[in-house]
């Protein structure tokens, strides 16, 4: 049983390094398309939106469900719901489609994001 635990720990460490390496490579290359959630801080501060809330907003704009967003971001479903609720409050909207429309109007997300 100890061998299996060590094996899974090794796989977990390897997977974590792979994720960090990809994120670091995307940051160094300056590619914000491959790394969702990276925008100038002053744009988010203006609307009081956190980086994680912005990342959720981008996933919503792509038409992802809360469950899919949670899996993509490696967070719980409740965390996604909290970020979504905070976004709705900050954008003064009631639904996901309204949030995407308002974010486009405010210039938070580009018109190239697929429509919901």
PDB file of N, CA and C in Angstrom:
ATOM      1  N   UNK A   1       0.827  -1.183   0.000  1.00  0.00           N
ATOM      2  CA  UNK A   1       0.000   0.000   0.000  1.00  0.00           C
ATOM      3  C   UNK A   1       0.880   1.259   0.000  1.00  0.00           C
ATOM      4  N   UNK A   2       2.004   1.176   0.674  1.00  0.00           N
ATOM      5  CA  UNK A   2       2.927   2.314   0.705  1.00  0.00           C
ATOM      6  C   UNK A   2       3.479   2.634  -0.675  1.00  0.00           C
ATOM      7  N   UNK A   3       3.735   1.590  -1.468  1.00  0.00           N
ATOM      8  CA  UNK A   3       4.240   1.785  -2.823  1.00  0.00           C
ATOM      9  C   UNK A   3       3.238   2.554  -3.672  1.00  0.00           C
ATOM     10  N   UNK A   4       1.968   2.218  -3.549  1.00  0.00           N
ATOM     11  CA  UNK A   4       0.915   2.899  -4.314  1.00  0.00           C
ATOM     12  C   UNK A   4       0.841   4.369  -3.897  1.00  0.00           C
ATOM     13  N   UNK A   5       0.958   4.634  -2.603  1.00  0.00           N
ATOM     14  CA  UNK A   5       0.923   6.014  -2.120  1.00  0.00           C
ATOM     15  C   UNK A   5       2.091   6.819  -2.679  1.00  0.00           C
ATOM     16  N   UNK A   6       3.273   6.234  -2.681  1.00  0.00           N
ATOM     17  CA  UNK A   6       4.452   6.915  -3.224  1.00  0.00           C
ATOM     18  C   UNK A   6       4.290   7.133  -4.725  1.00  0.00           C
ATOM     19  N   UNK A   7       3.727   6.157  -5.417  1.00  0.00           N
ATOM     20  CA  UNK A   7       3.493   6.279  -6.856  1.00  0.00           C
ATOM     21  C   UNK A   7       2.551   7.444  -7.157  1.00  0.00           C
ATOM     22  N   UNK A   8       1.434   7.523  -6.438  1.00  0.00           N
ATOM     23  CA  UNK A   8       0.494   8.613  -6.658  1.00  0.00           C
ATOM     24  C   UNK A   8       1.092   9.965  -6.279  1.00  0.00           C
ATOM     25  N   UNK A   9       1.910   9.992  -5.244  1.00  0.00           N
ATOM     26  CA  UNK A   9       2.569  11.239  -4.872  1.00  0.00           C
ATOM     27  C   UNK A   9       3.495  11.691  -6.006  1.00  0.00           C
ATOM     28  N   UNK A  10       4.227  10.770  -6.574  1.00  0.00           N
ATOM     29  CA  UNK A  10       5.120  11.091  -7.691  1.00  0.00           C
ATOM     30  C   UNK A  10       4.354  11.617  -8.894  1.00  0.00           C
ATOM     31  N   UNK A  11       3.241  10.980  -9.220  1.00  0.00           N
ATOM     32  CA  UNK A  11       2.411  11.437 -10.340  1.00  0.00           C
ATOM     33  C   UNK A  11       1.864  12.837 -10.049  1.00  0.00           C
ATOM     34  N   UNK A  12       1.457  13.069  -8.825  1.00  0.00           N
ATOM     35  CA  UNK A  12       0.933  14.388  -8.442  1.00  0.00           C
ATOM     36  C   UNK A  12       1.991  15.475  -8.567  1.00  0.00           C
ATOM     37  N   UNK A  13       3.192  15.186  -8.118  1.00  0.00           N
ATOM     38  CA  UNK A  13       4.288  16.156  -8.231  1.00  0.00           C
ATOM     39  C   UNK A  13       4.608  16.424  -9.689  1.00  0.00           C
ATOM     40  N   UNK A  14       4.666  15.376 -10.498  1.00  0.00           N
ATOM     41  CA  UNK A  14       4.944  15.545 -11.925  1.00  0.00           C
ATOM     42  C   UNK A  14       3.863  16.399 -12.594  1.00  0.00           C
ATOM     43  N   UNK A  15       2.592  16.103 -12.312  1.00  0.00           N
ATOM     44  CA  UNK A  15       1.487  16.853 -12.921  1.00  0.00           C
ATOM     45  C   UNK A  15       1.518  18.313 -12.492  1.00  0.00           C
ATOM     46  N   UNK A  16       1.801  18.559 -11.234  1.00  0.00           N
ATOM     47  CA  UNK A  16       1.885  19.931 -10.740  1.00  0.00           C
ATOM     48  C   UNK A  16       2.976  20.722 -11.430  1.00  0.00           C
ATOM     49  N   UNK A  17       4.121  20.096 -11.615  1.00  0.00           N
ATOM     50  CA  UNK A  17       5.229  20.771 -12.307  1.00  0.00           C
ATOM     51  C   UNK A  17       4.880  21.071 -13.757  1.00  0.00           C
ATOM     52  N   UNK A  18       4.169  20.147 -14.394  1.00  0.00           N
ATOM     53  CA  UNK A  18       3.768  20.362 -15.781  1.00  0.00           C
ATOM     54  C   UNK A  18       2.852  21.580 -15.889  1.00  0.00           C
ATOM     55  N   UNK A  19       1.903  21.702 -14.962  1.00  0.00           N
ATOM     56  CA  UNK A  19       0.985  22.845 -14.972  1.00  0.00           C
ATOM     57  C   UNK A  19       1.727  24.149 -14.725  1.00  0.00           C
ATOM     58  N   UNK A  20       2.618  24.160 -13.761  1.00  0.00           N
ATOM     59  CA  UNK A  20       3.382  25.367 -13.448  1.00  0.00           C
ATOM     60  C   UNK A  20       4.276  25.738 -14.619  1.00  0.00           C
ATOM     61  N   UNK A  21       4.903  24.747 -15.238  1.00  0.00           N
ATOM     62  CA  UNK A  21       5.775  25.019 -16.379  1.00  0.00           C
ATOM     63  C   UNK A  21       4.993  25.648 -17.524  1.00  0.00           C
ATOM     64  N   UNK A  22       3.820  25.121 -17.837  1.00  0.00           N
ATOM     65  CA  UNK A  22       3.000  25.673 -18.925  1.00  0.00           C
ATOM     66  C   UNK A  22       2.573  27.095 -18.621  1.00  0.00           C
ATOM     67  N   UNK A  23       2.172  27.336 -17.381  1.00  0.00           N
ATOM     68  CA  UNK A  23       1.748  28.677 -16.989  1.00  0.00           C
ATOM     69  C   UNK A  23       2.926  29.648 -17.078  1.00  0.00           C
ATOM     70  N   UNK A  24       4.086  29.243 -16.610  1.00  0.00           N
ATOM     71  CA  UNK A  24       5.273  30.094 -16.666  1.00  0.00           C
ATOM     72  C   UNK A  24       5.674  30.370 -18.100  1.00  0.00           C
ATOM     73  N   UNK A  25       5.614  29.365 -18.950  1.00  0.00           N
ATOM     74  CA  UNK A  25       5.969  29.549 -20.357  1.00  0.00           C
ATOM     75  C   UNK A  25       5.011  30.525 -21.027  1.00  0.00           C
ATOM     76  N   UNK A  26       3.726  30.437 -20.699  1.00  0.00           N
ATOM     77  CA  UNK A  26       2.747  31.350 -21.290  1.00  0.00           C
ATOM     78  C   UNK A  26       2.994  32.786 -20.824  1.00  0.00           C
ATOM     79  N   UNK A  27       3.348  32.948 -19.561  1.00  0.00           N
ATOM     80  CA  UNK A  27       3.630  34.287 -19.047  1.00  0.00           C
ATOM     81  C   UNK A  27       4.879  34.876 -19.697  1.00  0.00           C
ATOM     82  N   UNK A  28       5.917  34.061 -19.847  1.00  0.00           N
ATOM     83  CA  UNK A  28       7.155  34.538 -20.435  1.00  0.00           C
ATOM     84  C   UNK A  28       7.003  34.882 -21.914  1.00  0.00           C
ATOM     85  N   UNK A  29       6.150  34.142 -22.612  1.00  0.00           N
ATOM     86  CA  UNK A  29       5.954  34.418 -24.031  1.00  0.00           C
ATOM     87  C   UNK A  29       5.020  35.597 -24.256  1.00  0.00           C
ATOM     88  N   UNK A  30       4.340  36.032 -23.200  1.00  0.00           N
ATOM     89  CA  UNK A  30       3.425  37.159 -23.325  1.00  0.00           C
ATOM     90  C   UNK A  30       2.107  36.786 -23.962  1.00  0.00           C
ATOM     91  N   UNK A  31       1.820  35.512 -24.049  1.00  0.00           N
ATOM     92  CA  UNK A  31       0.595  35.050 -24.688  1.00  0.00           C
ATOM     93  C   UNK A  31      -0.531  34.998 -23.672  1.00  0.00           C
ATOM     94  N   UNK A  32      -1.449  35.953 -23.732  1.00  0.00           N
ATOM     95  CA  UNK A  32      -2.582  35.937 -22.818  1.00  0.00           C
ATOM     96  C   UNK A  32      -3.681  35.034 -23.333  1.00  0.00           C
ATOM     97  N   UNK A  33      -3.638  34.665 -24.627  1.00  0.00           N
ATOM     98  CA  UNK A  33      -4.656  33.783 -25.182  1.00  0.00           C
ATOM     99  C   UNK A  33      -4.516  32.376 -24.617  1.00  0.00           C
ATOM    100  N   UNK A  34      -3.258  31.927 -24.398  1.00  0.00           N
ATOM    101  CA  UNK A  34      -3.056  30.592 -23.867  1.00  0.00           C
ATOM    102  C   UNK A  34      -3.187  30.557 -22.350  1.00  0.00           C
ATOM    103  N   UNK A  35      -3.237  31.690 -21.728  1.00  0.00           N
ATOM    104  CA  UNK A  35      -3.364  31.768 -20.276  1.00  0.00           C
ATOM    105  C   UNK A  35      -4.559  32.643 -19.929  1.00  0.00           C
ATOM    106  N   UNK A  36      -5.725  32.037 -19.728  1.00  0.00           N
ATOM    107  CA  UNK A  36      -6.905  32.827 -19.430  1.00  0.00           C
ATOM    108  C   UNK A  36      -6.754  33.573 -18.115  1.00  0.00           C
ATOM    109  N   UNK A  37      -7.318  34.741 -18.052  1.00  0.00           N
ATOM    110  CA  UNK A  37      -7.308  35.493 -16.813  1.00  0.00           C
ATOM    111  C   UNK A  37      -6.212  36.520 -16.714  1.00  0.00           C
ATOM    112  N   UNK A  38      -5.354  36.655 -17.728  1.00  0.00           N
ATOM    113  CA  UNK A  38      -4.266  37.615 -17.655  1.00  0.00           C
ATOM    114  C   UNK A  38      -4.666  38.871 -18.425  1.00  0.00           C
ATOM    115  N   UNK A  39      -4.920  39.932 -17.694  1.00  0.00           N
ATOM    116  CA  UNK A  39      -5.232  41.240 -18.274  1.00  0.00           C
ATOM    117  C   UNK A  39      -4.512  42.280 -17.442  1.00  0.00           C
ATOM    118  N   UNK A  40      -4.363  43.478 -17.963  1.00  0.00           N
ATOM    119  CA  UNK A  40      -3.735  44.522 -17.152  1.00  0.00           C
ATOM    120  C   UNK A  40      -4.493  44.738 -15.837  1.00  0.00           C
ATOM    121  N   UNK A  41      -3.754  44.830 -14.762  1.00  0.00           N
ATOM    122  CA  UNK A  41      -4.351  44.976 -13.434  1.00  0.00           C
ATOM    123  C   UNK A  41      -5.263  46.197 -13.340  1.00  0.00           C
ATOM    124  N   UNK A  42      -4.873  47.296 -13.975  1.00  0.00           N
ATOM    125  CA  UNK A  42      -5.675  48.522 -13.838  1.00  0.00           C
ATOM    126  C   UNK A  42      -7.073  48.360 -14.434  1.00  0.00           C
ATOM    127  N   UNK A  43      -7.203  47.502 -15.443  1.00  0.00           N
ATOM    128  CA  UNK A  43      -8.522  47.258 -16.045  1.00  0.00           C
ATOM    129  C   UNK A  43      -9.417  46.532 -15.047  1.00  0.00           C
ATOM    130  N   UNK A  44      -8.872  45.535 -14.387  1.00  0.00           N
ATOM    131  CA  UNK A  44      -9.654  44.794 -13.401  1.00  0.00           C
ATOM    132  C   UNK A  44      -9.926  45.628 -12.152  1.00  0.00           C
ATOM    133  N   UNK A  45      -8.936  46.395 -11.714  1.00  0.00           N
ATOM    134  CA  UNK A  45      -9.116  47.226 -10.524  1.00  0.00           C
ATOM    135  C   UNK A  45     -10.211  48.260 -10.729  1.00  0.00           C
ATOM    136  N   UNK A  46     -10.305  48.770 -11.935  1.00  0.00           N
ATOM    137  CA  UNK A  46     -11.332  49.765 -12.255  1.00  0.00           C
ATOM    138  C   UNK A  46     -12.725  49.217 -11.974  1.00  0.00           C
ATOM    139  N   UNK A  47     -12.918  47.935 -12.249  1.00  0.00           N
ATOM    140  CA  UNK A  47     -14.224  47.294 -12.055  1.00  0.00           C
ATOM    141  C   UNK A  47     -14.254  46.419 -10.807  1.00  0.00           C
ATOM    142  N   UNK A  48     -13.173  46.440 -10.024  1.00  0.00           N
ATOM    143  CA  UNK A  48     -13.027  45.682  -8.778  1.00  0.00           C
ATOM    144  C   UNK A  48     -13.207  44.185  -8.982  1.00  0.00           C
ATOM    145  N   UNK A  49     -12.709  43.683 -10.097  1.00  0.00           N
ATOM    146  CA  UNK A  49     -12.796  42.267 -10.421  1.00  0.00           C
ATOM    147  C   UNK A  49     -11.434  41.624 -10.180  1.00  0.00           C
ATOM    148  N   UNK A  50     -11.444  40.503  -9.462  1.00  0.00           N
ATOM    149  CA  UNK A  50     -10.202  39.796  -9.190  1.00  0.00           C
ATOM    150  C   UNK A  50      -9.782  38.976 -10.409  1.00  0.00           C
ATOM    151  N   UNK A  51      -8.525  38.533 -10.420  1.00  0.00           N
ATOM    152  CA  UNK A  51      -8.035  37.703 -11.522  1.00  0.00           C
ATOM    153  C   UNK A  51      -8.843  36.425 -11.644  1.00  0.00           C
ATOM    154  N   UNK A  52      -9.176  35.790 -10.526  1.00  0.00           N
ATOM    155  CA  UNK A  52      -9.927  34.531 -10.571  1.00  0.00           C
ATOM    156  C   UNK A  52     -11.358  34.768 -11.061  1.00  0.00           C
ATOM    157  N   UNK A  53     -11.977  35.858 -10.633  1.00  0.00           N
ATOM    158  CA  UNK A  53     -13.311  36.182 -11.134  1.00  0.00           C
ATOM    159  C   UNK A  53     -13.262  36.421 -12.637  1.00  0.00           C
ATOM    160  N   UNK A  54     -12.194  37.075 -13.083  1.00  0.00           N
ATOM    161  CA  UNK A  54     -12.043  37.332 -14.507  1.00  0.00           C
ATOM    162  C   UNK A  54     -11.851  36.037 -15.286  1.00  0.00           C
ATOM    163  N   UNK A  55     -11.112  35.111 -14.703  1.00  0.00           N
ATOM    164  CA  UNK A  55     -10.920  33.819 -15.348  1.00  0.00           C
ATOM    165  C   UNK A  55     -12.254  33.086 -15.473  1.00  0.00           C
ATOM    166  N   UNK A  56     -13.075  33.147 -14.424  1.00  0.00           N
ATOM    167  CA  UNK A  56     -14.413  32.547 -14.477  1.00  0.00           C
ATOM    168  C   UNK A  56     -15.239  33.222 -15.564  1.00  0.00           C
ATOM    169  N   UNK A  57     -15.158  34.533 -15.660  1.00  0.00           N
ATOM    170  CA  UNK A  57     -15.896  35.279 -16.684  1.00  0.00           C
ATOM    171  C   UNK A  57     -15.501  34.821 -18.090  1.00  0.00           C
ATOM    172  N   UNK A  58     -14.225  34.615 -18.309  1.00  0.00           N
ATOM    173  CA  UNK A  58     -13.778  34.134 -19.617  1.00  0.00           C
ATOM    174  C   UNK A  58     -14.342  32.753 -19.925  1.00  0.00           C
ATOM    175  N   UNK A  59     -14.366  31.888 -18.933  1.00  0.00           N
ATOM    176  CA  UNK A  59     -14.925  30.551 -19.138  1.00  0.00           C
ATOM    177  C   UNK A  59     -16.429  30.631 -19.396  1.00  0.00           C
ATOM    178  N   UNK A  60     -17.107  31.517 -18.699  1.00  0.00           N
ATOM    179  CA  UNK A  60     -18.540  31.716 -18.940  1.00  0.00           C
ATOM    180  C   UNK A  60     -18.757  32.181 -20.376  1.00  0.00           C
ATOM    181  N   UNK A  61     -17.914  33.090 -20.836  1.00  0.00           N
ATOM    182  CA  UNK A  61     -18.031  33.604 -22.199  1.00  0.00           C
ATOM    183  C   UNK A  61     -17.827  32.503 -23.236  1.00  0.00           C
ATOM    184  N   UNK A  62     -17.089  31.479 -22.871  1.00  0.00           N
ATOM    185  CA  UNK A  62     -16.874  30.344 -23.780  1.00  0.00           C
ATOM    186  C   UNK A  62     -18.021  29.340 -23.711  1.00  0.00           C
ATOM    187  N   UNK A  63     -18.991  29.605 -22.830  1.00  0.00           N
ATOM    188  CA  UNK A  63     -20.163  28.741 -22.739  1.00  0.00           C
ATOM    189  C   UNK A  63     -19.998  27.545 -21.827  1.00  0.00           C
ATOM    190  N   UNK A  64     -19.016  27.583 -20.954  1.00  0.00           N
ATOM    191  CA  UNK A  64     -18.770  26.457 -20.053  1.00  0.00           C
ATOM    192  C   UNK A  64     -19.745  26.481 -18.874  1.00  0.00           C
ATOM    193  N   UNK A  65     -20.121  25.297 -18.399  1.00  0.00           N
ATOM    194  CA  UNK A  65     -20.970  25.185 -17.211  1.00  0.00           C
ATOM    195  C   UNK A  65     -20.119  25.396 -15.963  1.00  0.00           C
ATOM    196  N   UNK A  66     -20.799  25.588 -14.826  1.00  0.00           N
ATOM    197  CA  UNK A  66     -20.077  25.748 -13.565  1.00  0.00           C
ATOM    198  C   UNK A  66     -19.213  24.524 -13.275  1.00  0.00           C
ATOM    199  N   UNK A  67     -19.741  23.349 -13.546  1.00  0.00           N
ATOM    200  CA  UNK A  67     -19.000  22.108 -13.305  1.00  0.00           C
ATOM    201  C   UNK A  67     -17.746  22.048 -14.172  1.00  0.00           C
ATOM    202  N   UNK A  68     -17.873  22.434 -15.446  1.00  0.00           N
ATOM    203  CA  UNK A  68     -16.729  22.431 -16.351  1.00  0.00           C
ATOM    204  C   UNK A  68     -15.683  23.456 -15.917  1.00  0.00           C
ATOM    205  N   UNK A  69     -16.152  24.624 -15.471  1.00  0.00           N
ATOM    206  CA  UNK A  69     -15.236  25.669 -15.000  1.00  0.00           C
ATOM    207  C   UNK A  69     -14.475  25.172 -13.775  1.00  0.00           C
ATOM    208  N   UNK A  70     -15.178  24.544 -12.852  1.00  0.00           N
ATOM    209  CA  UNK A  70     -14.542  24.021 -11.636  1.00  0.00           C
ATOM    210  C   UNK A  70     -13.450  23.014 -11.985  1.00  0.00           C
ATOM    211  N   UNK A  71     -13.741  22.142 -12.926  1.00  0.00           N
ATOM    212  CA  UNK A  71     -12.748  21.147 -13.329  1.00  0.00           C
ATOM    213  C   UNK A  71     -11.561  21.805 -14.018  1.00  0.00           C
ATOM    214  N   UNK A  72     -11.818  22.783 -14.865  1.00  0.00           N
ATOM    215  CA  UNK A  72     -10.756  23.473 -15.599  1.00  0.00           C
ATOM    216  C   UNK A  72      -9.842  24.258 -14.656  1.00  0.00           C
ATOM    217  N   UNK A  73     -10.423  24.886 -13.643  1.00  0.00           N
ATOM    218  CA  UNK A  73      -9.662  25.738 -12.733  1.00  0.00           C
ATOM    219  C   UNK A  73      -9.154  24.988 -11.497  1.00  0.00           C
ATOM    220  N   UNK A  74      -9.518  23.706 -11.369  1.00  0.00           N
ATOM    221  CA  UNK A  74      -9.119  22.904 -10.215  1.00  0.00           C
ATOM    222  C   UNK A  74      -9.598  23.509  -8.898  1.00  0.00           C
ATOM    223  N   UNK A  75     -10.865  23.933  -8.880  1.00  0.00           N
ATOM    224  CA  UNK A  75     -11.494  24.471  -7.673  1.00  0.00           C
ATOM    225  C   UNK A  75     -12.826  23.759  -7.480  1.00  0.00           C
ATOM    226  N   UNK A  76     -13.455  23.992  -6.334  1.00  0.00           N
ATOM    227  CA  UNK A  76     -14.746  23.349  -6.072  1.00  0.00           C
ATOM    228  C   UNK A  76     -15.863  24.077  -6.817  1.00  0.00           C
ATOM    229  N   UNK A  77     -16.971  23.375  -6.965  1.00  0.00           N
ATOM    230  CA  UNK A  77     -18.149  23.954  -7.599  1.00  0.00           C
ATOM    231  C   UNK A  77     -18.635  25.173  -6.808  1.00  0.00           C
ATOM    232  N   UNK A  78     -18.579  25.096  -5.480  1.00  0.00           N
ATOM    233  CA  UNK A  78     -19.000  26.231  -4.655  1.00  0.00           C
ATOM    234  C   UNK A  78     -18.120  27.455  -4.880  1.00  0.00           C
ATOM    235  N   UNK A  79     -16.837  27.248  -5.115  1.00  0.00           N
ATOM    236  CA  UNK A  79     -15.934  28.371  -5.386  1.00  0.00           C
ATOM    237  C   UNK A  79     -16.328  29.054  -6.691  1.00  0.00           C
ATOM    238  N   UNK A  80     -16.653  28.277  -7.703  1.00  0.00           N
ATOM    239  CA  UNK A  80     -17.086  28.850  -8.987  1.00  0.00           C
ATOM    240  C   UNK A  80     -18.377  29.635  -8.795  1.00  0.00           C
ATOM    241  N   UNK A  81     -19.301  29.071  -8.031  1.00  0.00           N
ATOM    242  CA  UNK A  81     -20.574  29.761  -7.773  1.00  0.00           C
ATOM    243  C   UNK A  81     -20.345  31.072  -7.032  1.00  0.00           C
ATOM    244  N   UNK A  82     -19.401  31.077  -6.097  1.00  0.00           N
ATOM    245  CA  UNK A  82     -19.083  32.309  -5.366  1.00  0.00           C
ATOM    246  C   UNK A  82     -18.496  33.353  -6.300  1.00  0.00           C
ATOM    247  N   UNK A  83     -17.536  32.955  -7.141  1.00  0.00           N
ATOM    248  CA  UNK A  83     -16.946  33.892  -8.096  1.00  0.00           C
ATOM    249  C   UNK A  83     -18.011  34.428  -9.060  1.00  0.00           C
ATOM    250  N   UNK A  84     -18.895  33.562  -9.512  1.00  0.00           N
ATOM    251  CA  UNK A  84     -19.960  33.969 -10.435  1.00  0.00           C
ATOM    252  C   UNK A  84     -20.890  34.964  -9.754  1.00  0.00           C
ATOM    253  N   UNK A  85     -21.271  34.681  -8.529  1.00  0.00           N
ATOM    254  CA  UNK A  85     -22.139  35.588  -7.780  1.00  0.00           C
ATOM    255  C   UNK A  85     -21.477  36.956  -7.585  1.00  0.00           C
ATOM    256  N   UNK A  86     -20.176  36.944  -7.258  1.00  0.00           N
ATOM    257  CA  UNK A  86     -19.443  38.198  -7.101  1.00  0.00           C
ATOM    258  C   UNK A  86     -19.399  38.978  -8.416  1.00  0.00           C
ATOM    259  N   UNK A  87     -19.187  38.267  -9.517  1.00  0.00           N
ATOM    260  CA  UNK A  87     -19.180  38.918 -10.839  1.00  0.00           C
ATOM    261  C   UNK A  87     -20.528  39.556 -11.138  1.00  0.00           C
ATOM    262  N   UNK A  88     -21.602  38.820 -10.903  1.00  0.00           N
ATOM    263  CA  UNK A  88     -22.935  39.349 -11.169  1.00  0.00           C
ATOM    264  C   UNK A  88     -23.180  40.621 -10.372  1.00  0.00           C
ATOM    265  N   UNK A  89     -22.750  40.616  -9.128  1.00  0.00           N
ATOM    266  CA  UNK A  89     -22.919  41.790  -8.278  1.00  0.00           C
ATOM    267  C   UNK A  89     -22.095  42.970  -8.788  1.00  0.00           C
ATOM    268  N   UNK A  90     -20.844  42.719  -9.128  1.00  0.00           N
ATOM    269  CA  UNK A  90     -19.955  43.792  -9.578  1.00  0.00           C
ATOM    270  C   UNK A  90     -20.349  44.338 -10.942  1.00  0.00           C
ATOM    271  N   UNK A  91     -20.900  43.484 -11.788  1.00  0.00           N
ATOM    272  CA  UNK A  91     -21.333  43.923 -13.118  1.00  0.00           C
ATOM    273  C   UNK A  91     -22.794  44.363 -13.129  1.00  0.00           C
ATOM    274  N   UNK A  92     -23.477  44.185 -11.999  1.00  0.00           N
ATOM    275  CA  UNK A  92     -24.886  44.555 -11.852  1.00  0.00           C
ATOM    276  C   UNK A  92     -25.749  43.851 -12.898  1.00  0.00           C
ATOM    277  N   UNK A  93     -25.637  42.522 -12.925  1.00  0.00           N
ATOM    278  CA  UNK A  93     -26.417  41.705 -13.851  1.00  0.00           C
ATOM    279  C   UNK A  93     -27.054  40.548 -13.088  1.00  0.00           C
ATOM    280  N   UNK A  94     -27.984  39.855 -13.759  1.00  0.00           N
ATOM    281  CA  UNK A  94     -28.704  38.750 -13.132  1.00  0.00           C
ATOM    282  C   UNK A  94     -28.368  37.388 -13.740  1.00  0.00           C
ATOM    283  N   UNK A  95     -27.922  37.379 -15.007  1.00  0.00           N
ATOM    284  CA  UNK A  95     -27.685  36.121 -15.707  1.00  0.00           C
ATOM    285  C   UNK A  95     -26.318  36.097 -16.376  1.00  0.00           C
ATOM    286  N   UNK A  96     -25.907  34.905 -16.746  1.00  0.00           N
ATOM    287  CA  UNK A  96     -24.605  34.709 -17.389  1.00  0.00           C
ATOM    288  C   UNK A  96     -24.514  35.465 -18.710  1.00  0.00           C
ATOM    289  N   UNK A  97     -25.571  35.394 -19.508  1.00  0.00           N
ATOM    290  CA  UNK A  97     -25.552  36.089 -20.804  1.00  0.00           C
ATOM    291  C   UNK A  97     -25.424  37.598 -20.623  1.00  0.00           C
ATOM    292  N   UNK A  98     -26.092  38.131 -19.610  1.00  0.00           N
ATOM    293  CA  UNK A  98     -25.972  39.559 -19.323  1.00  0.00           C
ATOM    294  C   UNK A  98     -24.551  39.906 -18.892  1.00  0.00           C
ATOM    295  N   UNK A  99     -23.938  39.040 -18.107  1.00  0.00           N
ATOM    296  CA  UNK A  99     -22.571  39.287 -17.648  1.00  0.00           C
ATOM    297  C   UNK A  99     -21.612  39.348 -18.831  1.00  0.00           C
ATOM    298  N   UNK A 100     -21.783  38.437 -19.781  1.00  0.00           N
ATOM    299  CA  UNK A 100     -20.913  38.421 -20.956  1.00  0.00           C
ATOM    300  C   UNK A 100     -21.139  39.667 -21.807  1.00  0.00           C
ATOM    301  N   UNK A 101     -22.397  40.026 -22.022  1.00  0.00           N
ATOM    302  CA  UNK A 101     -22.705  41.230 -22.810  1.00  0.00           C
ATOM    303  C   UNK A 101     -22.118  42.479 -22.160  1.00  0.00           C
ATOM    304  N   UNK A 102     -22.299  42.600 -20.850  1.00  0.00           N
ATOM    305  CA  UNK A 102     -21.792  43.782 -20.152  1.00  0.00           C
ATOM    306  C   UNK A 102     -20.268  43.805 -20.152  1.00  0.00           C
ATOM    307  N   UNK A 103     -19.641  42.654 -19.984  1.00  0.00           N
ATOM    308  CA  UNK A 103     -18.178  42.573 -20.009  1.00  0.00           C
ATOM    309  C   UNK A 103     -17.649  42.994 -21.380  1.00  0.00           C
ATOM    310  N   UNK A 104     -18.334  42.604 -22.438  1.00  0.00           N
ATOM    311  CA  UNK A 104     -17.937  43.034 -23.788  1.00  0.00           C
ATOM    312  C   UNK A 104     -18.099  44.543 -23.931  1.00  0.00           C
ATOM    313  N   UNK A 105     -19.215  45.062 -23.430  1.00  0.00           N
ATOM    314  CA  UNK A 105     -19.471  46.502 -23.526  1.00  0.00           C
ATOM    315  C   UNK A 105     -18.438  47.317 -22.745  1.00  0.00           C
ATOM    316  N   UNK A 106     -17.973  46.770 -21.632  1.00  0.00           N
ATOM    317  CA  UNK A 106     -16.977  47.454 -20.802  1.00  0.00           C
ATOM    318  C   UNK A 106     -15.551  47.222 -21.295  1.00  0.00           C
ATOM    319  N   UNK A 107     -15.408  46.351 -22.284  1.00  0.00           N
ATOM    320  CA  UNK A 107     -14.076  46.060 -22.807  1.00  0.00           C
ATOM    321  C   UNK A 107     -13.290  45.079 -21.971  1.00  0.00           C
ATOM    322  N   UNK A 108     -13.968  44.335 -21.104  1.00  0.00           N
ATOM    323  CA  UNK A 108     -13.279  43.355 -20.261  1.00  0.00           C
ATOM    324  C   UNK A 108     -12.919  42.096 -21.034  1.00  0.00           C
ATOM    325  N   UNK A 109     -13.774  41.721 -21.960  1.00  0.00           N
ATOM    326  CA  UNK A 109     -13.462  40.589 -22.828  1.00  0.00           C
ATOM    327  C   UNK A 109     -13.662  41.041 -24.260  1.00  0.00           C
ATOM    328  N   UNK A 110     -12.920  40.428 -25.144  1.00  0.00           N
ATOM    329  CA  UNK A 110     -12.973  40.848 -26.541  1.00  0.00           C
ATOM    330  C   UNK A 110     -14.170  40.242 -27.246  1.00  0.00           C
ATOM    331  N   UNK A 111     -14.521  40.836 -28.331  1.00  0.00           N
ATOM    332  CA  UNK A 111     -15.643  40.344 -29.122  1.00  0.00           C
ATOM    333  C   UNK A 111     -15.307  39.030 -29.807  1.00  0.00           C
ATOM    334  N   UNK A 112     -14.034  38.622 -29.774  1.00  0.00           N
ATOM    335  CA  UNK A 112     -13.626  37.377 -30.412  1.00  0.00           C
ATOM    336  C   UNK A 112     -13.968  36.158 -29.565  1.00  0.00           C
ATOM    337  N   UNK A 113     -14.319  36.382 -28.272  1.00  0.00           N
ATOM    338  CA  UNK A 113     -14.760  35.246 -27.452  1.00  0.00           C
ATOM    339  C   UNK A 113     -16.035  34.714 -28.063  1.00  0.00           C
ATOM    340  N   UNK A 114     -16.204  33.411 -28.095  1.00  0.00           N
ATOM    341  CA  UNK A 114     -17.436  32.849 -28.630  1.00  0.00           C
ATOM    342  C   UNK A 114     -18.627  33.310 -27.820  1.00  0.00           C
ATOM    343  N   UNK A 115     -19.734  33.525 -28.472  1.00  0.00           N
ATOM    344  CA  UNK A 115     -20.928  33.975 -27.783  1.00  0.00           C
ATOM    345  C   UNK A 115     -21.576  32.816 -27.050  1.00  0.00           C
ATOM    346  N   UNK A 116     -22.248  33.153 -25.949  1.00  0.00           N
ATOM    347  CA  UNK A 116     -22.926  32.150 -25.123  1.00  0.00           C
ATOM    348  C   UNK A 116     -24.208  31.749 -25.800  1.00  0.00           C
TER     349      UNK A 116
END
